[in-house]
C-alpha atoms as a PDB file:
ATOM      1  CA  MET A   1     -52.781  46.309 -53.099  1.00  0.00           C
ATOM      2  CA  ARG A   2     -49.426  47.613 -51.018  1.00  0.00           C
ATOM      3  CA  LEU A   3     -46.643  49.007 -52.582  1.00  0.00           C
ATOM      4  CA  VAL A   4     -43.575  46.998 -51.549  1.00  0.00           C
ATOM      5  CA  GLU A   5     -39.791  47.877 -52.077  1.00  0.00           C
ATOM      6  CA  THR A   6     -36.938  45.542 -52.324  1.00  0.00           C
ATOM      7  CA  PRO A   7     -33.351  46.465 -52.777  1.00  0.00           C
ATOM      8  CA  LEU A   8     -31.907  45.149 -56.097  1.00  0.00           C
ATOM      9  CA  ASP A   9     -29.768  41.769 -55.560  1.00  0.00           C
ATOM     10  CA  ARG A  10     -27.412  42.282 -58.472  1.00  0.00           C
ATOM     11  CA  PRO A  11     -26.589  45.133 -61.099  1.00  0.00           C
ATOM     12  CA  LEU A  12     -29.786  46.660 -62.914  1.00  0.00           C
ATOM     13  CA  ALA A  13     -28.071  45.221 -65.995  1.00  0.00           C
ATOM     14  CA  GLU A  14     -28.045  41.947 -64.967  1.00  0.00           C
ATOM     15  CA  LEU A  15     -31.516  41.993 -63.629  1.00  0.00           C
ATOM     16  CA  LEU A  16     -32.571  43.526 -67.041  1.00  0.00           C
ATOM     17  CA  ALA A  17     -31.046  41.120 -68.950  1.00  0.00           C
ATOM     18  CA  ALA A  18     -33.169  38.211 -67.590  1.00  0.00           C
ATOM     19  CA  PRO A  19     -36.925  38.106 -68.625  1.00  0.00           C
ATOM     20  CA  PRO A  20     -39.607  39.735 -66.965  1.00  0.00           C
ATOM     21  CA  GLY A  21     -41.509  37.539 -64.495  1.00  0.00           C
ATOM     22  CA  GLU A  22     -45.232  37.098 -63.855  1.00  0.00           C
ATOM     23  CA  ALA A  23     -45.343  39.617 -60.714  1.00  0.00           C
ATOM     24  CA  LEU A  24     -45.399  43.437 -61.279  1.00  0.00           C
ATOM     25  CA  ARG A  25     -41.805  44.886 -60.741  1.00  0.00           C
ATOM     26  CA  LEU A  26     -40.889  48.288 -61.555  1.00  0.00           C
ATOM     27  CA  CYS A  27     -37.170  49.464 -61.868  1.00  0.00           C
ATOM     28  CA  TRP A  28     -36.267  53.647 -61.986  1.00  0.00           C
ATOM     29  CA  LEU A  29     -34.239  54.667 -64.826  1.00  0.00           C
ATOM     30  CA  GLY A  30     -33.503  58.195 -63.363  1.00  0.00           C
ATOM     31  CA  GLN A  31     -35.768  61.574 -64.222  1.00  0.00           C
ATOM     32  CA  ALA A  32     -38.960  60.195 -65.301  1.00  0.00           C
ATOM     33  CA  GLY A  33     -37.976  56.757 -66.879  1.00  0.00           C
ATOM     34  CA  PHE A  34     -38.958  53.312 -65.619  1.00  0.00           C
ATOM     35  CA  VAL A  35     -38.960  49.785 -66.521  1.00  0.00           C
ATOM     36  CA  ILE A  36     -42.312  48.087 -65.854  1.00  0.00           C
ATOM     37  CA  ASP A  37     -42.437  44.420 -65.471  1.00  0.00           C
ATOM     38  CA  GLY A  38     -45.897  41.920 -65.326  1.00  0.00           C
ATOM     39  CA  GLY A  39     -47.503  39.259 -66.825  1.00  0.00           C
ATOM     40  CA  GLY A  40     -43.996  38.071 -68.666  1.00  0.00           C
ATOM     41  CA  ARG A  41     -44.253  41.346 -70.426  1.00  0.00           C
ATOM     42  CA  ARG A  42     -41.600  44.191 -70.414  1.00  0.00           C
ATOM     43  CA  ALA A  43     -42.299  47.693 -70.792  1.00  0.00           C
ATOM     44  CA  VAL A  44     -40.225  50.678 -70.691  1.00  0.00           C
ATOM     45  CA  ILE A  45     -41.461  54.277 -70.472  1.00  0.00           C
ATOM     46  CA  ASP A  46     -39.604  58.058 -71.087  1.00  0.00           C
ATOM     47  CA  PRO A  47     -36.035  56.189 -70.469  1.00  0.00           C
ATOM     48  CA  TYR A  48     -33.349  58.835 -70.802  1.00  0.00           C
ATOM     49  CA  LEU A  49     -30.217  57.270 -70.723  1.00  0.00           C
ATOM     50  CA  SER A  50     -27.675  59.071 -72.129  1.00  0.00           C
ATOM     51  CA  ASP A  51     -25.941  62.661 -72.292  1.00  0.00           C
ATOM     52  CA  SER A  52     -27.869  64.136 -75.426  1.00  0.00           C
ATOM     53  CA  LEU A  53     -29.145  67.200 -73.375  1.00  0.00           C
ATOM     54  CA  ALA A  54     -25.534  67.663 -72.107  1.00  0.00           C
ATOM     55  CA  GLU A  55     -24.576  67.917 -75.499  1.00  0.00           C
ATOM     56  CA  LYS A  56     -27.201  69.937 -76.799  1.00  0.00           C
ATOM     57  CA  TYR A  57     -27.210  72.582 -74.189  1.00  0.00           C
ATOM     58  CA  ARG A  58     -23.354  72.741 -73.614  1.00  0.00           C
ATOM     59  CA  GLY A  59     -22.197  76.480 -72.741  1.00  0.00           C
ATOM     60  CA  LYS A  60     -26.264  77.518 -71.933  1.00  0.00           C
ATOM     61  CA  ALA A  61     -27.738  78.825 -68.735  1.00  0.00           C
ATOM     62  CA  PHE A  62     -28.818  75.145 -67.830  1.00  0.00           C
ATOM     63  CA  PRO A  63     -26.061  72.961 -69.368  1.00  0.00           C
ATOM     64  CA  HIS A  64     -27.990  69.967 -68.333  1.00  0.00           C
ATOM     65  CA  ARG A  65     -25.280  68.084 -66.870  1.00  0.00           C
ATOM     66  CA  ARG A  66     -25.933  65.096 -64.985  1.00  0.00           C
ATOM     67  CA  MET A  67     -26.107  64.766 -61.148  1.00  0.00           C
ATOM     68  CA  MET A  68     -26.537  60.771 -61.812  1.00  0.00           C
ATOM     69  CA  PRO A  69     -25.040  58.510 -64.292  1.00  0.00           C
ATOM     70  CA  ALA A  70     -27.251  56.399 -66.392  1.00  0.00           C
ATOM     71  CA  PRO A  71     -28.054  53.591 -64.418  1.00  0.00           C
ATOM     72  CA  VAL A  72     -27.928  50.887 -67.373  1.00  0.00           C
ATOM     73  CA  ALA A  73     -26.858  51.165 -70.991  1.00  0.00           C
ATOM     74  CA  PRO A  74     -29.935  51.358 -73.320  1.00  0.00           C
ATOM     75  CA  ASP A  75     -28.824  48.396 -75.123  1.00  0.00           C
ATOM     76  CA  LEU A  76     -28.301  46.085 -72.145  1.00  0.00           C
ATOM     77  CA  VAL A  77     -32.232  46.453 -71.321  1.00  0.00           C
ATOM     78  CA  ALA A  78     -33.191  43.150 -73.080  1.00  0.00           C
ATOM     79  CA  HIS A  79     -37.170  41.037 -73.387  1.00  0.00           C
ATOM     80  CA  VAL A  80     -38.575  44.576 -74.148  1.00  0.00           C
ATOM     81  CA  ASP A  81     -42.072  44.743 -75.538  1.00  0.00           C
ATOM     82  CA  LEU A  82     -43.308  47.857 -75.924  1.00  0.00           C
ATOM     83  CA  VAL A  83     -41.419  51.338 -75.529  1.00  0.00           C
ATOM     84  CA  LEU A  84     -43.602  54.319 -74.481  1.00  0.00           C
ATOM     85  CA  ALA A  85     -42.744  58.114 -74.564  1.00  0.00           C
ATOM     86  CA  THR A  86     -45.280  60.737 -73.278  1.00  0.00           C
ATOM     87  CA  HIS A  87     -44.106  63.446 -75.226  1.00  0.00           C
ATOM     88  CA  ALA A  88     -41.549  64.780 -77.398  1.00  0.00           C
ATOM     89  CA  HIS A  89     -39.329  66.405 -74.945  1.00  0.00           C
ATOM     90  CA  THR A  90     -35.771  65.071 -75.106  1.00  0.00           C
ATOM     91  CA  ASP A  91     -35.561  63.705 -71.443  1.00  0.00           C
ATOM     92  CA  HIS A  92     -38.380  61.624 -72.454  1.00  0.00           C
ATOM     93  CA  LEU A  93     -38.216  60.701 -76.132  1.00  0.00           C
ATOM     94  CA  ASP A  94     -34.502  60.457 -76.564  1.00  0.00           C
ATOM     95  CA  PRO A  95     -32.400  60.035 -79.464  1.00  0.00           C
ATOM     96  CA  GLY A  96     -29.257  59.029 -77.156  1.00  0.00           C
ATOM     97  CA  THR A  97     -31.118  56.276 -75.934  1.00  0.00           C
ATOM     98  CA  LEU A  98     -33.831  55.068 -78.297  1.00  0.00           C
ATOM     99  CA  PRO A  99     -32.431  53.720 -81.135  1.00  0.00           C
ATOM    100  CA  ALA A 100     -30.053  51.504 -79.493  1.00  0.00           C
ATOM    101  CA  LEU A 101     -32.625  50.484 -77.103  1.00  0.00           C
ATOM    102  CA  LEU A 102     -35.222  49.524 -80.231  1.00  0.00           C
ATOM    103  CA  ALA A 103     -32.313  48.084 -81.998  1.00  0.00           C
ATOM    104  CA  ALA A 104     -31.361  45.320 -78.945  1.00  0.00           C
ATOM    105  CA  ASN A 105     -35.061  44.517 -79.101  1.00  0.00           C
ATOM    106  CA  PRO A 106     -36.327  43.987 -82.380  1.00  0.00           C
ATOM    107  CA  GLY A 107     -39.775  42.537 -81.769  1.00  0.00           C
ATOM    108  CA  ALA A 108     -40.484  45.810 -79.625  1.00  0.00           C
ATOM    109  CA  THR A 109     -43.176  48.563 -80.753  1.00  0.00           C
ATOM    110  CA  LEU A 110     -42.590  52.221 -79.919  1.00  0.00           C
ATOM    111  CA  LEU A 111     -45.875  53.859 -78.867  1.00  0.00           C
ATOM    112  CA  ALA A 112     -45.679  57.833 -79.037  1.00  0.00           C
ATOM    113  CA  PRO A 113     -48.577  60.580 -78.925  1.00  0.00           C
ATOM    114  CA  ARG A 114     -49.781  61.444 -81.941  1.00  0.00           C
ATOM    115  CA  SER A 115     -48.096  64.820 -82.127  1.00  0.00           C
ATOM    116  CA  ALA A 116     -44.967  63.276 -81.905  1.00  0.00           C
ATOM    117  CA  ARG A 117     -45.184  60.820 -84.801  1.00  0.00           C
ATOM    118  CA  GLU A 118     -42.147  62.994 -86.692  1.00  0.00           C
ATOM    119  CA  ALA A 119     -40.094  62.939 -83.989  1.00  0.00           C
ATOM    120  CA  ALA A 120     -40.565  59.399 -82.743  1.00  0.00           C
ATOM    121  CA  LEU A 121     -39.283  58.176 -86.159  1.00  0.00           C
ATOM    122  CA  GLN A 122     -36.520  60.562 -86.322  1.00  0.00           C
ATOM    123  CA  ARG A 123     -35.054  60.334 -82.946  1.00  0.00           C
ATOM    124  CA  SER A 124     -35.643  56.034 -82.828  1.00  0.00           C
ATOM    125  CA  GLY A 125     -34.819  55.356 -86.457  1.00  0.00           C
ATOM    126  CA  VAL A 126     -37.630  52.496 -86.300  1.00  0.00           C
ATOM    127  CA  ASP A 127     -39.434  51.692 -89.359  1.00  0.00           C
ATOM    128  CA  PRO A 128     -43.068  52.870 -89.016  1.00  0.00           C
ATOM    129  CA  SER A 129     -44.480  49.562 -88.850  1.00  0.00           C
ATOM    130  CA  ARG A 130     -43.293  49.637 -85.770  1.00  0.00           C
ATOM    131  CA  LEU A 131     -44.770  52.817 -84.436  1.00  0.00           C
ATOM    132  CA  ARG A 132     -47.872  53.269 -82.587  1.00  0.00           C
ATOM    133  CA  LEU A 133     -49.754  56.590 -82.062  1.00  0.00           C
ATOM    134  CA  ILE A 134     -51.977  57.421 -79.555  1.00  0.00           C
ATOM    135  CA  GLU A 135     -54.022  60.642 -78.263  1.00  0.00           C
ATOM    136  CA  ALA A 136     -55.660  61.652 -74.980  1.00  0.00           C
ATOM    137  CA  GLY A 137     -58.770  59.407 -74.679  1.00  0.00           C
ATOM    138  CA  GLU A 138     -57.833  56.399 -76.631  1.00  0.00           C
ATOM    139  CA  SER A 139     -56.706  52.795 -75.316  1.00  0.00           C
ATOM    140  CA  CYS A 140     -55.003  50.311 -77.269  1.00  0.00           C
ATOM    141  CA  MET A 141     -53.847  46.849 -76.403  1.00  0.00           C
ATOM    142  CA  ILE A 142     -49.853  46.036 -77.224  1.00  0.00           C
ATOM    143  CA  ALA A 143     -48.341  43.002 -76.773  1.00  0.00           C
ATOM    144  CA  GLY A 144     -50.993  41.938 -73.850  1.00  0.00           C
ATOM    145  CA  ILE A 145     -50.178  45.666 -72.199  1.00  0.00           C
ATOM    146  CA  GLY A 146     -53.284  47.492 -72.006  1.00  0.00           C
ATOM    147  CA  VAL A 147     -52.475  51.605 -72.651  1.00  0.00           C
ATOM    148  CA  THR A 148     -55.010  54.005 -72.211  1.00  0.00           C
ATOM    149  CA  ALA A 149     -53.911  57.978 -72.371  1.00  0.00           C
ATOM    150  CA  THR A 150     -55.052  61.121 -70.589  1.00  0.00           C
ATOM    151  CA  ARG A 151     -54.671  64.562 -70.916  1.00  0.00           C
ATOM    152  CA  ALA A 152     -51.372  66.561 -69.287  1.00  0.00           C
ATOM    153  CA  ALA A 153     -50.439  70.122 -68.757  1.00  0.00           C
ATOM    154  CA  HIS A 154     -46.705  70.736 -69.305  1.00  0.00           C
ATOM    155  CA  GLU A 155     -47.101  73.783 -68.112  1.00  0.00           C
ATOM    156  CA  THR A 156     -50.292  74.258 -70.193  1.00  0.00           C
ATOM    157  CA  LEU A 157     -52.724  71.821 -72.075  1.00  0.00           C
ATOM    158  CA  GLU A 158     -51.181  72.326 -75.543  1.00  0.00           C
ATOM    159  CA  ARG A 159     -52.374  70.957 -78.974  1.00  0.00           C
ATOM    160  CA  ASP A 160     -50.466  70.752 -82.260  1.00  0.00           C
ATOM    161  CA  ALA A 161     -51.830  72.380 -85.614  1.00  0.00           C
ATOM    162  CA  GLU A 162     -53.779  68.912 -85.922  1.00  0.00           C
ATOM    163  CA  GLY A 163     -55.486  69.299 -82.656  1.00  0.00           C
ATOM    164  CA  PHE A 164     -53.599  66.354 -80.840  1.00  0.00           C
ATOM    165  CA  HIS A 165     -52.171  66.740 -77.598  1.00  0.00           C
ATOM    166  CA  ARG A 166     -48.767  67.726 -77.056  1.00  0.00           C
ATOM    167  CA  PHE A 167     -48.354  66.234 -73.768  1.00  0.00           C
ATOM    168  CA  LEU A 168     -49.911  62.795 -72.300  1.00  0.00           C
ATOM    169  CA  GLY A 169     -50.388  60.751 -69.312  1.00  0.00           C
ATOM    170  CA  LEU A 170     -50.427  56.933 -70.103  1.00  0.00           C
ATOM    171  CA  ALA A 171     -51.979  53.953 -67.911  1.00  0.00           C
ATOM    172  CA  LEU A 172     -50.562  50.390 -68.209  1.00  0.00           C
ATOM    173  CA  ARG A 173     -52.900  47.377 -67.550  1.00  0.00           C
ATOM    174  CA  ILE A 174     -50.001  45.174 -66.730  1.00  0.00           C
ATOM    175  CA  GLY A 175     -49.063  42.010 -64.171  1.00  0.00           C
ATOM    176  CA  GLY A 176     -52.765  42.439 -62.938  1.00  0.00           C
ATOM    177  CA  ALA A 177     -52.484  45.830 -62.069  1.00  0.00           C
ATOM    178  CA  THR A 178     -52.698  49.532 -63.493  1.00  0.00           C
ATOM    179  CA  VAL A 179     -49.847  51.714 -63.117  1.00  0.00           C
ATOM    180  CA  PHE A 180     -50.388  55.297 -64.333  1.00  0.00           C
ATOM    181  CA  HIS A 181     -47.758  57.419 -65.488  1.00  0.00           C
ATOM    182  CA  SER A 182     -48.920  60.941 -65.568  1.00  0.00           C
ATOM    183  CA  GLY A 183     -46.168  62.258 -68.100  1.00  0.00           C
ATOM    184  CA  ASP A 184     -44.929  65.739 -67.133  1.00  0.00           C
ATOM    185  CA  THR A 185     -47.699  67.871 -65.991  1.00  0.00           C
ATOM    186  CA  ILE A 186     -49.080  70.578 -63.475  1.00  0.00           C
ATOM    187  CA  PRO A 187     -52.795  70.560 -61.754  1.00  0.00           C
ATOM    188  CA  PHE A 188     -55.033  71.604 -64.636  1.00  0.00           C
ATOM    189  CA  ASP A 189     -59.365  71.560 -64.814  1.00  0.00           C
ATOM    190  CA  GLY A 190     -60.300  68.220 -65.200  1.00  0.00           C
ATOM    191  CA  GLN A 191     -57.255  66.198 -64.213  1.00  0.00           C
ATOM    192  CA  LEU A 192     -58.887  64.563 -60.905  1.00  0.00           C
ATOM    193  CA  GLU A 193     -61.844  63.381 -62.732  1.00  0.00           C
ATOM    194  CA  GLU A 194     -59.584  61.994 -65.917  1.00  0.00           C
ATOM    195  CA  VAL A 195     -57.069  60.101 -63.432  1.00  0.00           C
ATOM    196  CA  ARG A 196     -59.877  58.830 -60.688  1.00  0.00           C
ATOM    197  CA  ALA A 197     -61.521  56.908 -63.787  1.00  0.00           C
ATOM    198  CA  LEU A 198     -58.370  55.231 -64.532  1.00  0.00           C
ATOM    199  CA  ALA A 199     -58.923  53.059 -61.005  1.00  0.00           C
ATOM    200  CA  ALA A 200     -54.741  53.053 -61.175  1.00  0.00           C
ATOM    201  CA  ASP A 201     -53.281  51.201 -58.046  1.00  0.00           C
ATOM    202  CA  LEU A 202     -50.156  52.809 -58.673  1.00  0.00           C
ATOM    203  CA  ALA A 203     -49.053  56.703 -59.814  1.00  0.00           C
ATOM    204  CA  LEU A 204     -46.051  57.572 -60.935  1.00  0.00           C
ATOM    205  CA  PHE A 205     -45.497  61.514 -60.965  1.00  0.00           C
ATOM    206  CA  PRO A 206     -42.886  63.957 -61.347  1.00  0.00           C
ATOM    207  CA  VAL A 207     -42.542  66.243 -58.323  1.00  0.00           C
ATOM    208  CA  ASN A 208     -39.835  68.767 -59.102  1.00  0.00           C
ATOM    209  CA  GLY A 209     -42.243  71.316 -59.183  1.00  0.00           C
ATOM    210  CA  ARG A 210     -41.857  74.936 -61.027  1.00  0.00           C
ATOM    211  CA  ASP A 211     -40.402  78.423 -60.497  1.00  0.00           C
ATOM    212  CA  ALA A 212     -39.906  81.588 -62.489  1.00  0.00           C
ATOM    213  CA  LEU A 213     -36.373  81.059 -63.314  1.00  0.00           C
ATOM    214  CA  ARG A 214     -36.801  77.794 -64.948  1.00  0.00           C
ATOM    215  CA  ALA A 215     -39.782  79.487 -67.095  1.00  0.00           C
ATOM    216  CA  SER A 216     -37.559  82.311 -68.070  1.00  0.00           C
ATOM    217  CA  GLN A 217     -35.407  80.221 -69.256  1.00  0.00           C
ATOM    218  CA  GLY A 218     -37.901  77.993 -71.390  1.00  0.00           C
ATOM    219  CA  VAL A 219     -38.187  74.887 -68.728  1.00  0.00           C
ATOM    220  CA  PRO A 220     -41.564  74.056 -67.887  1.00  0.00           C
ATOM    221  CA  GLY A 221     -42.349  72.673 -64.468  1.00  0.00           C
ATOM    222  CA  ASN A 222     -44.456  70.082 -62.948  1.00  0.00           C
ATOM    223  CA  LEU A 223     -46.099  69.017 -59.931  1.00  0.00           C
ATOM    224  CA  THR A 224     -44.936  69.704 -56.595  1.00  0.00           C
ATOM    225  CA  LEU A 225     -44.641  66.953 -53.907  1.00  0.00           C
ATOM    226  CA  ASP A 226     -47.811  68.424 -52.150  1.00  0.00           C
ATOM    227  CA  GLU A 227     -49.531  68.545 -55.755  1.00  0.00           C
ATOM    228  CA  ALA A 228     -48.611  64.977 -56.600  1.00  0.00           C
ATOM    229  CA  LEU A 229     -49.797  63.570 -52.960  1.00  0.00           C
ATOM    230  CA  ALA A 230     -52.878  65.467 -53.265  1.00  0.00           C
ATOM    231  CA  LEU A 231     -53.912  64.124 -56.513  1.00  0.00           C
ATOM    232  CA  ALA A 232     -53.004  60.693 -55.706  1.00  0.00           C
ATOM    233  CA  ARG A 233     -55.479  60.646 -53.058  1.00  0.00           C
ATOM    234  CA  GLU A 234     -58.144  62.578 -54.133  1.00  0.00           C
ATOM    235  CA  ALA A 235     -57.951  59.986 -57.341  1.00  0.00           C
ATOM    236  CA  GLY A 236     -58.071  57.274 -54.860  1.00  0.00           C
ATOM    237  CA  ILE A 237     -54.631  55.917 -55.913  1.00  0.00           C
ATOM    238  CA  PRO A 238     -53.425  53.752 -52.835  1.00  0.00           C
ATOM    239  CA  ALA A 239     -49.352  54.031 -53.893  1.00  0.00           C
ATOM    240  CA  LEU A 240     -47.331  56.467 -55.389  1.00  0.00           C
ATOM    241  CA  ILE A 241     -43.595  56.589 -56.642  1.00  0.00           C
ATOM    242  CA  ALA A 242     -42.047  60.305 -56.806  1.00  0.00           C
ATOM    243  CA  HIS A 243     -39.877  61.033 -59.644  1.00  0.00           C
ATOM    244  CA  HIS A 244     -38.067  63.482 -61.797  1.00  0.00           C
ATOM    245  CA  PHE A 245     -35.762  64.761 -59.564  1.00  0.00           C
ATOM    246  CA  ASP A 246     -31.537  63.990 -58.884  1.00  0.00           C
ATOM    247  CA  LEU A 247     -30.613  64.378 -62.616  1.00  0.00           C
ATOM    248  CA  PHE A 248     -30.515  68.299 -63.635  1.00  0.00           C
ATOM    249  CA  ASP A 249     -29.407  70.489 -60.979  1.00  0.00           C
ATOM    250  CA  PHE A 250     -31.720  73.473 -61.803  1.00  0.00           C
ATOM    251  CA  SER A 251     -34.554  71.463 -61.870  1.00  0.00           C
ATOM    252  CA  THR A 252     -34.912  69.389 -58.714  1.00  0.00           C
ATOM    253  CA  VAL A 253     -36.243  68.864 -55.366  1.00  0.00           C
ATOM    254  CA  PRO A 254     -33.704  67.578 -52.263  1.00  0.00           C
ATOM    255  CA  ARG A 255     -34.150  63.779 -51.947  1.00  0.00           C
ATOM    256  CA  PRO A 256     -34.232  64.277 -48.136  1.00  0.00           C
ATOM    257  CA  GLU A 257     -37.293  66.548 -48.537  1.00  0.00           C
ATOM    258  CA  VAL A 258     -38.890  63.915 -51.450  1.00  0.00           C
ATOM    259  CA  GLU A 259     -37.996  61.251 -48.361  1.00  0.00           C
ATOM    260  CA  ALA A 260     -39.310  63.020 -45.901  1.00  0.00           C
ATOM    261  CA  ALA A 261     -42.448  64.194 -47.637  1.00  0.00           C
ATOM    262  CA  THR A 262     -43.292  60.719 -49.056  1.00  0.00           C
ATOM    263  CA  GLY A 263     -42.172  58.850 -45.564  1.00  0.00           C
ATOM    264  CA  SER A 264     -45.198  60.833 -43.807  1.00  0.00           C
ATOM    265  CA  SER A 265     -47.714  60.000 -46.204  1.00  0.00           C
ATOM    266  CA  GLN A 266     -50.240  57.797 -44.955  1.00  0.00           C
ATOM    267  CA  ARG A 267     -52.756  58.482 -47.912  1.00  0.00           C
ATOM    268  CA  PRO A 268     -51.500  57.368 -50.316  1.00  0.00           C
ATOM    269  CA  GLN A 269     -48.367  55.070 -49.347  1.00  0.00           C
ATOM    270  CA  ALA A 270     -45.755  57.236 -51.158  1.00  0.00           C
ATOM    271  CA  VAL A 271     -41.651  56.341 -51.837  1.00  0.00           C
ATOM    272  CA  ALA A 272     -39.083  58.566 -53.504  1.00  0.00           C
ATOM    273  CA  ALA A 273     -37.914  56.724 -56.282  1.00  0.00           C
ATOM    274  CA  SER A 274     -34.344  55.207 -56.214  1.00  0.00           C
ATOM    275  CA  VAL A 275     -32.126  53.098 -58.792  1.00  0.00           C
ATOM    276  CA  GLY A 276     -31.079  50.741 -55.860  1.00  0.00           C
ATOM    277  CA  MET A 277     -34.836  49.416 -55.415  1.00  0.00           C
ATOM    278  CA  ALA A 278     -37.351  47.427 -57.247  1.00  0.00           C
ATOM    279  CA  TYR A 279     -40.981  48.054 -56.651  1.00  0.00           C
ATOM    280  CA  GLY A 280     -43.701  45.947 -56.276  1.00  0.00           C
ATOM    281  CA  LEU A 281     -47.564  45.876 -55.461  1.00  0.00           C
ATOM    282  CA  ASP A 282     -48.953  42.913 -52.457  1.00  0.00           C
ATOM    283  CA  GLN A 283     -52.111  42.167 -54.253  1.00  0.00           C
ATOM    284  CA  SER A 284     -52.713  40.343 -51.149  1.00  0.00           C
ATOM    285  CA  ALA A 285     -53.540  43.527 -49.405  1.00  0.00           C
ATOM    286  CA  VAL A 286     -56.418  45.439 -51.017  1.00  0.00           C
ATOM    287  CA  GLU A 287     -55.834  49.062 -49.969  1.00  0.00           C
ATOM    288  CA  ARG A 288     -57.777  51.458 -51.756  1.00  0.00           C
ATOM    289  CA  ALA A 289     -58.044  54.987 -50.596  1.00  0.00           C
ATOM    290  CA  PRO A 290     -61.560  56.602 -50.040  1.00  0.00           C
END
């Protein structure tokens, strides 16, 4: 399968007010957030569409002011079947986004890590009957969308008091393809084998890296651009969308660097996420990395 970029032909809010189609289509929401359509279903993963972190960290060393506005209001994203969170950090499980998004989509289920149950209920405001939980190594089917969870290390492989992993990657089987969102992660022992076993068609990997300054302020990092490209290549994933940049000035990579690195990659085929594009897979072009 070959990754295809298409400029949006209308505002994102208008696009997401319409029902999802059969073909796989992804739209970036900024940071780690994506809308993923396919097979007549719509999933939203890690949406951060508010300024809740700016409010939380006002006056602090890293004030979390947005470099880019939210591309759509959460209550304007319609026809959602499944909302997913990879972990409980606010830019992935956001109290400023989830209540409005889930209220506008009363039939949608919220999927969160087992370690994040209480945070998911508190921040979303949903009834527990609408919450599904998952742990690394588990799989489930929700509204016709298959989900498999893997471990993630942000920056360590952490577990809660009950032994559940705090950080997850989530692979979605939707629209005839497997899309793997790694969650926030750095490389760790056993990662390659877990990711390769997914046989994913498309990877969504963070590329904002990590450094001592962020670590000194308690801000964990992610894969570097080189690490993201290497993981996709070695795991046999033919296509990659690089994300988790352009939102906070203390935790980003210059867009020209992301575009240069992804544009020069032959394996995997890689692009830098943009809110002005929709992404799909040409399923007539079967190109899997060796």
